[in-house]
Amino acid sequence: MNIQDIWSSALHLIGQAWWVEITTAKPHCTYYFGPFTTAVEADEAKAGYVEDLEGESAQGIQVTIKRCKPAQMTIDYEEVAQESYNPTEKTSMSGQFS
């Protein structure tokens, strides 16, 4: 690990690292790439990430460079929606309208 990697990791720990946030419409996802020590460094790296996603046929690609501390590197909203929808789960009102 070089000094740049150590510095990026330290910035990430305190939420001051720069990240490339890429959202796609198809698949409906958000991806985080980083951490980077500067916005310029993140901006220079974004083209490679976009190229990779285009190579995987992603559509509706939008890129943002931002300081953040992502909890997940990839968020698949279609997968999240499937996990949160459970038609057999009973709610507090189940059976009240039968």
PDB file of N, CA and C in Angstrom:
ATOM      1  N   MET A   1       0.857  -1.181   0.000  1.00  0.00           N
ATOM      2  CA  MET A   1       0.000   0.000   0.000  1.00  0.00           C
ATOM      3  C   MET A   1       0.898   1.239   0.000  1.00  0.00           C
ATOM      4  N   ASN A   2       0.635   2.146  -0.941  1.00  0.00           N
ATOM      5  CA  ASN A   2       1.453   3.357  -1.009  1.00  0.00           C
ATOM      6  C   ASN A   2       0.821   4.487  -0.188  1.00  0.00           C
ATOM      7  N   ILE A   3       1.526   5.580  -0.088  1.00  0.00           N
ATOM      8  CA  ILE A   3       1.070   6.710   0.726  1.00  0.00           C
ATOM      9  C   ILE A   3      -0.249   7.278   0.204  1.00  0.00           C
ATOM     10  N   GLN A   4      -0.446   7.267  -1.112  1.00  0.00           N
ATOM     11  CA  GLN A   4      -1.694   7.758  -1.705  1.00  0.00           C
ATOM     12  C   GLN A   4      -2.880   6.903  -1.253  1.00  0.00           C
ATOM     13  N   ASP A   5      -2.692   5.575  -1.233  1.00  0.00           N
ATOM     14  CA  ASP A   5      -3.757   4.671  -0.788  1.00  0.00           C
ATOM     15  C   ASP A   5      -4.071   4.883   0.688  1.00  0.00           C
ATOM     16  N   ILE A   6      -3.044   5.086   1.485  1.00  0.00           N
ATOM     17  CA  ILE A   6      -3.240   5.325   2.919  1.00  0.00           C
ATOM     18  C   ILE A   6      -4.012   6.622   3.132  1.00  0.00           C
ATOM     19  N   TRP A   7      -3.637   7.659   2.404  1.00  0.00           N
ATOM     20  CA  TRP A   7      -4.312   8.954   2.522  1.00  0.00           C
ATOM     21  C   TRP A   7      -5.773   8.851   2.079  1.00  0.00           C
ATOM     22  N   SER A   8      -6.028   8.157   0.976  1.00  0.00           N
ATOM     23  CA  SER A   8      -7.404   7.973   0.502  1.00  0.00           C
ATOM     24  C   SER A   8      -8.233   7.233   1.535  1.00  0.00           C
ATOM     25  N   SER A   9      -7.654   6.210   2.128  1.00  0.00           N
ATOM     26  CA  SER A   9      -8.367   5.437   3.156  1.00  0.00           C
ATOM     27  C   SER A   9      -8.676   6.291   4.378  1.00  0.00           C
ATOM     28  N   ALA A  10      -7.719   7.116   4.778  1.00  0.00           N
ATOM     29  CA  ALA A  10      -7.936   7.996   5.930  1.00  0.00           C
ATOM     30  C   ALA A  10      -9.053   8.993   5.640  1.00  0.00           C
ATOM     31  N   LEU A  11      -9.038   9.580   4.451  1.00  0.00           N
ATOM     32  CA  LEU A  11     -10.099  10.514   4.076  1.00  0.00           C
ATOM     33  C   LEU A  11     -11.456   9.824   4.048  1.00  0.00           C
ATOM     34  N   HIS A  12     -11.472   8.581   3.578  1.00  0.00           N
ATOM     35  CA  HIS A  12     -12.730   7.827   3.537  1.00  0.00           C
ATOM     36  C   HIS A  12     -13.267   7.610   4.953  1.00  0.00           C
ATOM     37  N   LEU A  13     -12.404   7.275   5.870  1.00  0.00           N
ATOM     38  CA  LEU A  13     -12.840   7.016   7.253  1.00  0.00           C
ATOM     39  C   LEU A  13     -13.535   8.217   7.876  1.00  0.00           C
ATOM     40  N   ILE A  14     -13.094   9.409   7.521  1.00  0.00           N
ATOM     41  CA  ILE A  14     -13.706  10.608   8.100  1.00  0.00           C
ATOM     42  C   ILE A  14     -14.740  11.250   7.164  1.00  0.00           C
ATOM     43  N   GLY A  15     -15.060  10.552   6.076  1.00  0.00           N
ATOM     44  CA  GLY A  15     -16.099  11.035   5.165  1.00  0.00           C
ATOM     45  C   GLY A  15     -15.680  12.186   4.279  1.00  0.00           C
ATOM     46  N   GLN A  16     -14.373  12.359   4.068  1.00  0.00           N
ATOM     47  CA  GLN A  16     -13.903  13.476   3.254  1.00  0.00           C
ATOM     48  C   GLN A  16     -13.287  13.032   1.929  1.00  0.00           C
ATOM     49  N   ALA A  17     -13.389  11.762   1.598  1.00  0.00           N
ATOM     50  CA  ALA A  17     -12.860  11.274   0.326  1.00  0.00           C
ATOM     51  C   ALA A  17     -13.818  11.629  -0.807  1.00  0.00           C
ATOM     52  N   TRP A  18     -13.280  11.678  -2.004  1.00  0.00           N
ATOM     53  CA  TRP A  18     -14.068  11.936  -3.200  1.00  0.00           C
ATOM     54  C   TRP A  18     -14.426  10.616  -3.856  1.00  0.00           C
ATOM     55  N   TRP A  19     -15.616  10.528  -4.388  1.00  0.00           N
ATOM     56  CA  TRP A  19     -16.115   9.313  -5.024  1.00  0.00           C
ATOM     57  C   TRP A  19     -16.741   9.653  -6.366  1.00  0.00           C
ATOM     58  N   VAL A  20     -16.695   8.701  -7.279  1.00  0.00           N
ATOM     59  CA  VAL A  20     -17.437   8.784  -8.524  1.00  0.00           C
ATOM     60  C   VAL A  20     -18.732   8.021  -8.273  1.00  0.00           C
ATOM     61  N   GLU A  21     -19.851   8.726  -8.328  1.00  0.00           N
ATOM     62  CA  GLU A  21     -21.160   8.104  -8.170  1.00  0.00           C
ATOM     63  C   GLU A  21     -21.787   8.009  -9.556  1.00  0.00           C
ATOM     64  N   ILE A  22     -22.104   6.798  -9.966  1.00  0.00           N
ATOM     65  CA  ILE A  22     -22.717   6.596 -11.275  1.00  0.00           C
ATOM     66  C   ILE A  22     -24.071   5.930 -11.078  1.00  0.00           C
ATOM     67  N   THR A  23     -25.104   6.572 -11.623  1.00  0.00           N
ATOM     68  CA  THR A  23     -26.437   5.972 -11.594  1.00  0.00           C
ATOM     69  C   THR A  23     -26.783   5.547 -13.016  1.00  0.00           C
ATOM     70  N   THR A  24     -27.493   4.443 -13.104  1.00  0.00           N
ATOM     71  CA  THR A  24     -27.937   3.945 -14.402  1.00  0.00           C
ATOM     72  C   THR A  24     -29.436   3.689 -14.340  1.00  0.00           C
ATOM     73  N   ALA A  25     -30.101   3.926 -15.470  1.00  0.00           N
ATOM     74  CA  ALA A  25     -31.544   3.673 -15.552  1.00  0.00           C
ATOM     75  C   ALA A  25     -31.818   2.187 -15.785  1.00  0.00           C
ATOM     76  N   LYS A  26     -30.980   1.565 -16.616  1.00  0.00           N
ATOM     77  CA  LYS A  26     -31.104   0.124 -16.896  1.00  0.00           C
ATOM     78  C   LYS A  26     -29.727  -0.487 -16.863  1.00  0.00           C
ATOM     79  N   PRO A  27     -29.407  -1.289 -15.905  1.00  0.00           N
ATOM     80  CA  PRO A  27     -30.235  -1.634 -14.758  1.00  0.00           C
ATOM     81  C   PRO A  27     -30.358  -0.436 -13.824  1.00  0.00           C
ATOM     82  N   HIS A  28     -31.386  -0.411 -13.008  1.00  0.00           N
ATOM     83  CA  HIS A  28     -31.612   0.701 -12.087  1.00  0.00           C
ATOM     84  C   HIS A  28     -30.680   0.523 -10.882  1.00  0.00           C
ATOM     85  N   CYS A  29     -29.499   1.141 -10.982  1.00  0.00           N
ATOM     86  CA  CYS A  29     -28.461   0.958  -9.958  1.00  0.00           C
ATOM     87  C   CYS A  29     -27.721   2.255  -9.676  1.00  0.00           C
ATOM     88  N   THR A  30     -27.060   2.290  -8.539  1.00  0.00           N
ATOM     89  CA  THR A  30     -26.082   3.319  -8.214  1.00  0.00           C
ATOM     90  C   THR A  30     -24.797   2.606  -7.860  1.00  0.00           C
ATOM     91  N   TYR A  31     -23.700   3.080  -8.458  1.00  0.00           N
ATOM     92  CA  TYR A  31     -22.378   2.506  -8.225  1.00  0.00           C
ATOM     93  C   TYR A  31     -21.471   3.583  -7.648  1.00  0.00           C
ATOM     94  N   TYR A  32     -20.616   3.206  -6.718  1.00  0.00           N
ATOM     95  CA  TYR A  32     -19.617   4.112  -6.161  1.00  0.00           C
ATOM     96  C   TYR A  32     -18.234   3.578  -6.466  1.00  0.00           C
ATOM     97  N   PHE A  33     -17.367   4.465  -6.977  1.00  0.00           N
ATOM     98  CA  PHE A  33     -15.989   4.113  -7.277  1.00  0.00           C
ATOM     99  C   PHE A  33     -15.072   5.086  -6.544  1.00  0.00           C
ATOM    100  N   GLY A  34     -14.113   4.555  -5.848  1.00  0.00           N
ATOM    101  CA  GLY A  34     -13.192   5.401  -5.085  1.00  0.00           C
ATOM    102  C   GLY A  34     -12.592   4.597  -3.963  1.00  0.00           C
ATOM    103  N   PRO A  35     -12.094   5.212  -2.955  1.00  0.00           N
ATOM    104  CA  PRO A  35     -12.050   6.658  -2.703  1.00  0.00           C
ATOM    105  C   PRO A  35     -10.883   7.321  -3.433  1.00  0.00           C
ATOM    106  N   PHE A  36     -11.040   8.630  -3.659  1.00  0.00           N
ATOM    107  CA  PHE A  36     -10.009   9.445  -4.276  1.00  0.00           C
ATOM    108  C   PHE A  36      -9.679  10.597  -3.333  1.00  0.00           C
ATOM    109  N   THR A  37      -8.457  11.090  -3.416  1.00  0.00           N
ATOM    110  CA  THR A  37      -8.044  12.180  -2.523  1.00  0.00           C
ATOM    111  C   THR A  37      -8.503  13.541  -3.020  1.00  0.00           C
ATOM    112  N   THR A  38      -8.732  13.682  -4.340  1.00  0.00           N
ATOM    113  CA  THR A  38      -9.186  14.963  -4.884  1.00  0.00           C
ATOM    114  C   THR A  38     -10.311  14.738  -5.889  1.00  0.00           C
ATOM    115  N   ALA A  39     -11.081  15.792  -6.107  1.00  0.00           N
ATOM    116  CA  ALA A  39     -12.147  15.732  -7.113  1.00  0.00           C
ATOM    117  C   ALA A  39     -11.551  15.580  -8.507  1.00  0.00           C
ATOM    118  N   VAL A  40     -10.405  16.186  -8.747  1.00  0.00           N
ATOM    119  CA  VAL A  40      -9.745  16.080 -10.051  1.00  0.00           C
ATOM    120  C   VAL A  40      -9.356  14.631 -10.330  1.00  0.00           C
ATOM    121  N   GLU A  41      -8.811  13.964  -9.333  1.00  0.00           N
ATOM    122  CA  GLU A  41      -8.431  12.553  -9.481  1.00  0.00           C
ATOM    123  C   GLU A  41      -9.663  11.695  -9.804  1.00  0.00           C
ATOM    124  N   ALA A  42     -10.757  11.936  -9.108  1.00  0.00           N
ATOM    125  CA  ALA A  42     -11.993  11.184  -9.364  1.00  0.00           C
ATOM    126  C   ALA A  42     -12.511  11.482 -10.765  1.00  0.00           C
ATOM    127  N   ASP A  43     -12.477  12.744 -11.167  1.00  0.00           N
ATOM    128  CA  ASP A  43     -12.958  13.142 -12.485  1.00  0.00           C
ATOM    129  C   ASP A  43     -12.136  12.483 -13.598  1.00  0.00           C
ATOM    130  N   GLU A  44     -10.840  12.367 -13.392  1.00  0.00           N
ATOM    131  CA  GLU A  44      -9.974  11.739 -14.390  1.00  0.00           C
ATOM    132  C   GLU A  44     -10.253  10.243 -14.517  1.00  0.00           C
ATOM    133  N   ALA A  45     -10.713   9.610 -13.447  1.00  0.00           N
ATOM    134  CA  ALA A  45     -10.962   8.166 -13.452  1.00  0.00           C
ATOM    135  C   ALA A  45     -12.346   7.796 -13.982  1.00  0.00           C
ATOM    136  N   LYS A  46     -13.284   8.745 -13.995  1.00  0.00           N
ATOM    137  CA  LYS A  46     -14.681   8.418 -14.303  1.00  0.00           C
ATOM    138  C   LYS A  46     -14.879   7.823 -15.688  1.00  0.00           C
ATOM    139  N   ALA A  47     -14.118   8.253 -16.669  1.00  0.00           N
ATOM    140  CA  ALA A  47     -14.308   7.767 -18.042  1.00  0.00           C
ATOM    141  C   ALA A  47     -14.149   6.251 -18.128  1.00  0.00           C
ATOM    142  N   GLY A  48     -13.207   5.704 -17.394  1.00  0.00           N
ATOM    143  CA  GLY A  48     -12.999   4.257 -17.409  1.00  0.00           C
ATOM    144  C   GLY A  48     -14.177   3.501 -16.830  1.00  0.00           C
ATOM    145  N   TYR A  49     -14.764   4.048 -15.776  1.00  0.00           N
ATOM    146  CA  TYR A  49     -15.926   3.393 -15.161  1.00  0.00           C
ATOM    147  C   TYR A  49     -17.130   3.448 -16.093  1.00  0.00           C
ATOM    148  N   VAL A  50     -17.333   4.596 -16.728  1.00  0.00           N
ATOM    149  CA  VAL A  50     -18.443   4.743 -17.670  1.00  0.00           C
ATOM    150  C   VAL A  50     -18.249   3.781 -18.839  1.00  0.00           C
ATOM    151  N   GLU A  51     -17.035   3.696 -19.330  1.00  0.00           N
ATOM    152  CA  GLU A  51     -16.744   2.784 -20.442  1.00  0.00           C
ATOM    153  C   GLU A  51     -17.066   1.335 -20.071  1.00  0.00           C
ATOM    154  N   ASP A  52     -16.707   0.933 -18.852  1.00  0.00           N
ATOM    155  CA  ASP A  52     -17.010  -0.431 -18.400  1.00  0.00           C
ATOM    156  C   ASP A  52     -18.516  -0.678 -18.350  1.00  0.00           C
ATOM    157  N   LEU A  53     -19.263   0.277 -17.821  1.00  0.00           N
ATOM    158  CA  LEU A  53     -20.715   0.114 -17.735  1.00  0.00           C
ATOM    159  C   LEU A  53     -21.362   0.110 -19.115  1.00  0.00           C
ATOM    160  N   GLU A  54     -20.873   0.950 -20.019  1.00  0.00           N
ATOM    161  CA  GLU A  54     -21.385   0.933 -21.394  1.00  0.00           C
ATOM    162  C   GLU A  54     -21.100  -0.414 -22.043  1.00  0.00           C
ATOM    163  N   GLY A  55     -19.943  -0.994 -21.732  1.00  0.00           N
ATOM    164  CA  GLY A  55     -19.593  -2.309 -22.255  1.00  0.00           C
ATOM    165  C   GLY A  55     -20.507  -3.404 -21.736  1.00  0.00           C
ATOM    166  N   GLU A  56     -21.134  -3.154 -20.585  1.00  0.00           N
ATOM    167  CA  GLU A  56     -22.104  -4.097 -20.015  1.00  0.00           C
ATOM    168  C   GLU A  56     -23.531  -3.729 -20.412  1.00  0.00           C
ATOM    169  N   SER A  57     -23.676  -2.830 -21.374  1.00  0.00           N
ATOM    170  CA  SER A  57     -24.968  -2.392 -21.935  1.00  0.00           C
ATOM    171  C   SER A  57     -25.829  -1.593 -20.965  1.00  0.00           C
ATOM    172  N   ALA A  58     -25.210  -0.930 -19.999  1.00  0.00           N
ATOM    173  CA  ALA A  58     -25.978  -0.061 -19.099  1.00  0.00           C
ATOM    174  C   ALA A  58     -26.517   1.125 -19.898  1.00  0.00           C
ATOM    175  N   GLN A  59     -27.699   1.611 -19.515  1.00  0.00           N
ATOM    176  CA  GLN A  59     -28.335   2.733 -20.205  1.00  0.00           C
ATOM    177  C   GLN A  59     -28.690   3.820 -19.201  1.00  0.00           C
ATOM    178  N   GLY A  60     -28.799   5.047 -19.692  1.00  0.00           N
ATOM    179  CA  GLY A  60     -29.181   6.169 -18.842  1.00  0.00           C
ATOM    180  C   GLY A  60     -28.127   6.477 -17.794  1.00  0.00           C
ATOM    181  N   ILE A  61     -26.874   6.544 -18.208  1.00  0.00           N
ATOM    182  CA  ILE A  61     -25.753   6.726 -17.277  1.00  0.00           C
ATOM    183  C   ILE A  61     -25.614   8.200 -16.906  1.00  0.00           C
ATOM    184  N   GLN A  62     -25.562   8.461 -15.600  1.00  0.00           N
ATOM    185  CA  GLN A  62     -25.331   9.812 -15.081  1.00  0.00           C
ATOM    186  C   GLN A  62     -24.206   9.733 -14.056  1.00  0.00           C
ATOM    187  N   VAL A  63     -23.271  10.690 -14.130  1.00  0.00           N
ATOM    188  CA  VAL A  63     -22.081  10.666 -13.283  1.00  0.00           C
ATOM    189  C   VAL A  63     -22.036  11.908 -12.404  1.00  0.00           C
ATOM    190  N   THR A  64     -21.710  11.699 -11.130  1.00  0.00           N
ATOM    191  CA  THR A  64     -21.517  12.786 -10.181  1.00  0.00           C
ATOM    192  C   THR A  64     -20.222  12.527  -9.422  1.00  0.00           C
ATOM    193  N   ILE A  65     -19.444  13.577  -9.233  1.00  0.00           N
ATOM    194  CA  ILE A  65     -18.249  13.499  -8.392  1.00  0.00           C
ATOM    195  C   ILE A  65     -18.631  14.162  -7.081  1.00  0.00           C
ATOM    196  N   LYS A  66     -18.470  13.437  -5.974  1.00  0.00           N
ATOM    197  CA  LYS A  66     -18.921  14.012  -4.706  1.00  0.00           C
ATOM    198  C   LYS A  66     -18.137  13.458  -3.528  1.00  0.00           C
ATOM    199  N   ARG A  67     -18.150  14.208  -2.467  1.00  0.00           N
ATOM    200  CA  ARG A  67     -17.611  13.742  -1.196  1.00  0.00           C
ATOM    201  C   ARG A  67     -18.721  13.020  -0.464  1.00  0.00           C
ATOM    202  N   CYS A  68     -18.441  11.796  -0.069  1.00  0.00           N
ATOM    203  CA  CYS A  68     -19.428  11.030   0.665  1.00  0.00           C
ATOM    204  C   CYS A  68     -18.739   9.845   1.315  1.00  0.00           C
ATOM    205  N   LYS A  69     -19.507   9.044   1.990  1.00  0.00           N
ATOM    206  CA  LYS A  69     -18.998   7.834   2.628  1.00  0.00           C
ATOM    207  C   LYS A  69     -20.015   6.736   2.378  1.00  0.00           C
ATOM    208  N   PRO A  70     -19.984   6.158   1.174  1.00  0.00           N
ATOM    209  CA  PRO A  70     -21.009   5.163   0.823  1.00  0.00           C
ATOM    210  C   PRO A  70     -20.936   3.922   1.704  1.00  0.00           C
ATOM    211  N   ALA A  71     -22.085   3.433   2.094  1.00  0.00           N
ATOM    212  CA  ALA A  71     -22.166   2.217   2.904  1.00  0.00           C
ATOM    213  C   ALA A  71     -22.061   0.978   2.021  1.00  0.00           C
ATOM    214  N   GLN A  72     -22.470   1.117   0.754  1.00  0.00           N
ATOM    215  CA  GLN A  72     -22.412   0.029  -0.224  1.00  0.00           C
ATOM    216  C   GLN A  72     -21.782   0.567  -1.491  1.00  0.00           C
ATOM    217  N   MET A  73     -21.054  -0.280  -2.192  1.00  0.00           N
ATOM    218  CA  MET A  73     -20.443   0.138  -3.451  1.00  0.00           C
ATOM    219  C   MET A  73     -21.427   0.032  -4.609  1.00  0.00           C
ATOM    220  N   THR A  74     -22.394  -0.865  -4.503  1.00  0.00           N
ATOM    221  CA  THR A  74     -23.411  -1.030  -5.545  1.00  0.00           C
ATOM    222  C   THR A  74     -24.778  -1.160  -4.885  1.00  0.00           C
ATOM    223  N   ILE A  75     -25.721  -0.367  -5.372  1.00  0.00           N
ATOM    224  CA  ILE A  75     -27.101  -0.468  -4.907  1.00  0.00           C
ATOM    225  C   ILE A  75     -27.943  -0.832  -6.124  1.00  0.00           C
ATOM    226  N   ASP A  76     -28.529  -2.007  -6.099  1.00  0.00           N
ATOM    227  CA  ASP A  76     -29.407  -2.484  -7.170  1.00  0.00           C
ATOM    228  C   ASP A  76     -30.837  -2.276  -6.694  1.00  0.00           C
ATOM    229  N   TYR A  77     -31.494  -1.234  -7.205  1.00  0.00           N
ATOM    230  CA  TYR A  77     -32.828  -0.874  -6.719  1.00  0.00           C
ATOM    231  C   TYR A  77     -33.880  -1.921  -7.053  1.00  0.00           C
ATOM    232  N   GLU A  78     -33.704  -2.641  -8.139  1.00  0.00           N
ATOM    233  CA  GLU A  78     -34.657  -3.703  -8.476  1.00  0.00           C
ATOM    234  C   GLU A  78     -34.551  -4.835  -7.455  1.00  0.00           C
ATOM    235  N   GLU A  79     -33.337  -5.150  -7.044  1.00  0.00           N
ATOM    236  CA  GLU A  79     -33.130  -6.190  -6.034  1.00  0.00           C
ATOM    237  C   GLU A  79     -33.681  -5.745  -4.679  1.00  0.00           C
ATOM    238  N   VAL A  80     -33.462  -4.482  -4.327  1.00  0.00           N
ATOM    239  CA  VAL A  80     -33.975  -3.935  -3.065  1.00  0.00           C
ATOM    240  C   VAL A  80     -35.492  -3.991  -3.045  1.00  0.00           C
ATOM    241  N   ALA A  81     -36.123  -3.645  -4.172  1.00  0.00           N
ATOM    242  CA  ALA A  81     -37.587  -3.657  -4.248  1.00  0.00           C
ATOM    243  C   ALA A  81     -38.120  -5.073  -4.082  1.00  0.00           C
ATOM    244  N   GLN A  82     -37.456  -6.047  -4.682  1.00  0.00           N
ATOM    245  CA  GLN A  82     -37.889  -7.436  -4.551  1.00  0.00           C
ATOM    246  C   GLN A  82     -37.743  -7.928  -3.116  1.00  0.00           C
ATOM    247  N   GLU A  83     -36.666  -7.529  -2.457  1.00  0.00           N
ATOM    248  CA  GLU A  83     -36.433  -7.954  -1.070  1.00  0.00           C
ATOM    249  C   GLU A  83     -37.446  -7.332  -0.119  1.00  0.00           C
ATOM    250  N   SER A  84     -37.850  -6.087  -0.394  1.00  0.00           N
ATOM    251  CA  SER A  84     -38.755  -5.407   0.528  1.00  0.00           C
ATOM    252  C   SER A  84     -40.222  -5.779   0.292  1.00  0.00           C
ATOM    253  N   TYR A  85     -40.538  -6.379  -0.856  1.00  0.00           N
ATOM    254  CA  TYR A  85     -41.915  -6.774  -1.146  1.00  0.00           C
ATOM    255  C   TYR A  85     -42.077  -8.254  -0.857  1.00  0.00           C
ATOM    256  N   ASN A  86     -42.894  -8.561   0.120  1.00  0.00           N
ATOM    257  CA  ASN A  86     -43.159  -9.949   0.486  1.00  0.00           C
ATOM    258  C   ASN A  86     -44.668 -10.099   0.599  1.00  0.00           C
ATOM    259  N   PRO A  87     -45.326 -10.614  -0.445  1.00  0.00           N
ATOM    260  CA  PRO A  87     -46.796 -10.676  -0.451  1.00  0.00           C
ATOM    261  C   PRO A  87     -47.377 -11.593   0.617  1.00  0.00           C
ATOM    262  N   THR A  88     -46.596 -12.491   1.186  1.00  0.00           N
ATOM    263  CA  THR A  88     -47.113 -13.395   2.215  1.00  0.00           C
ATOM    264  C   THR A  88     -46.934 -12.826   3.618  1.00  0.00           C
ATOM    265  N   GLU A  89     -46.233 -11.709   3.728  1.00  0.00           N
ATOM    266  CA  GLU A  89     -45.994 -11.108   5.035  1.00  0.00           C
ATOM    267  C   GLU A  89     -47.287 -10.496   5.566  1.00  0.00           C
ATOM    268  N   LYS A  90     -47.622 -10.794   6.797  1.00  0.00           N
ATOM    269  CA  LYS A  90     -48.839 -10.263   7.397  1.00  0.00           C
ATOM    270  C   LYS A  90     -48.538  -8.928   8.043  1.00  0.00           C
ATOM    271  N   THR A  91     -49.438  -7.990   7.821  1.00  0.00           N
ATOM    272  CA  THR A  91     -49.306  -6.676   8.443  1.00  0.00           C
ATOM    273  C   THR A  91     -50.278  -6.592   9.607  1.00  0.00           C
ATOM    274  N   SER A  92     -50.208  -5.513  10.342  1.00  0.00           N
ATOM    275  CA  SER A  92     -51.077  -5.347  11.496  1.00  0.00           C
ATOM    276  C   SER A  92     -52.549  -5.253  11.079  1.00  0.00           C
ATOM    277  N   MET A  93     -52.824  -4.962   9.787  1.00  0.00           N
ATOM    278  CA  MET A  93     -54.201  -4.836   9.327  1.00  0.00           C
ATOM    279  C   MET A  93     -54.673  -6.083   8.592  1.00  0.00           C
ATOM    280  N   SER A  94     -53.834  -7.095   8.452  1.00  0.00           N
ATOM    281  CA  SER A  94     -54.228  -8.301   7.737  1.00  0.00           C
ATOM    282  C   SER A  94     -55.469  -8.909   8.355  1.00  0.00           C
ATOM    283  N   GLY A  95     -56.390  -9.271   7.532  1.00  0.00           N
ATOM    284  CA  GLY A  95     -57.597  -9.929   8.001  1.00  0.00           C
ATOM    285  C   GLY A  95     -58.704  -8.991   8.417  1.00  0.00           C
ATOM    286  N   GLN A  96     -58.439  -7.702   8.507  1.00  0.00           N
ATOM    287  CA  GLN A  96     -59.454  -6.755   8.945  1.00  0.00           C
ATOM    288  C   GLN A  96     -60.440  -6.418   7.834  1.00  0.00           C
ATOM    289  N   PHE A  97     -60.086  -6.697   6.596  1.00  0.00           N
ATOM    290  CA  PHE A  97     -60.945  -6.318   5.482  1.00  0.00           C
ATOM    291  C   PHE A  97     -61.465  -7.548   4.734  1.00  0.00           C
ATOM    292  N   SER A  98     -61.500  -8.687   5.354  1.00  0.00           N
ATOM    293  CA  SER A  98     -61.960  -9.906   4.690  1.00  0.00           C
ATOM    294  C   SER A  98     -63.450  -9.995   4.668  1.00  0.00           C
TER     295      SER A  98
END
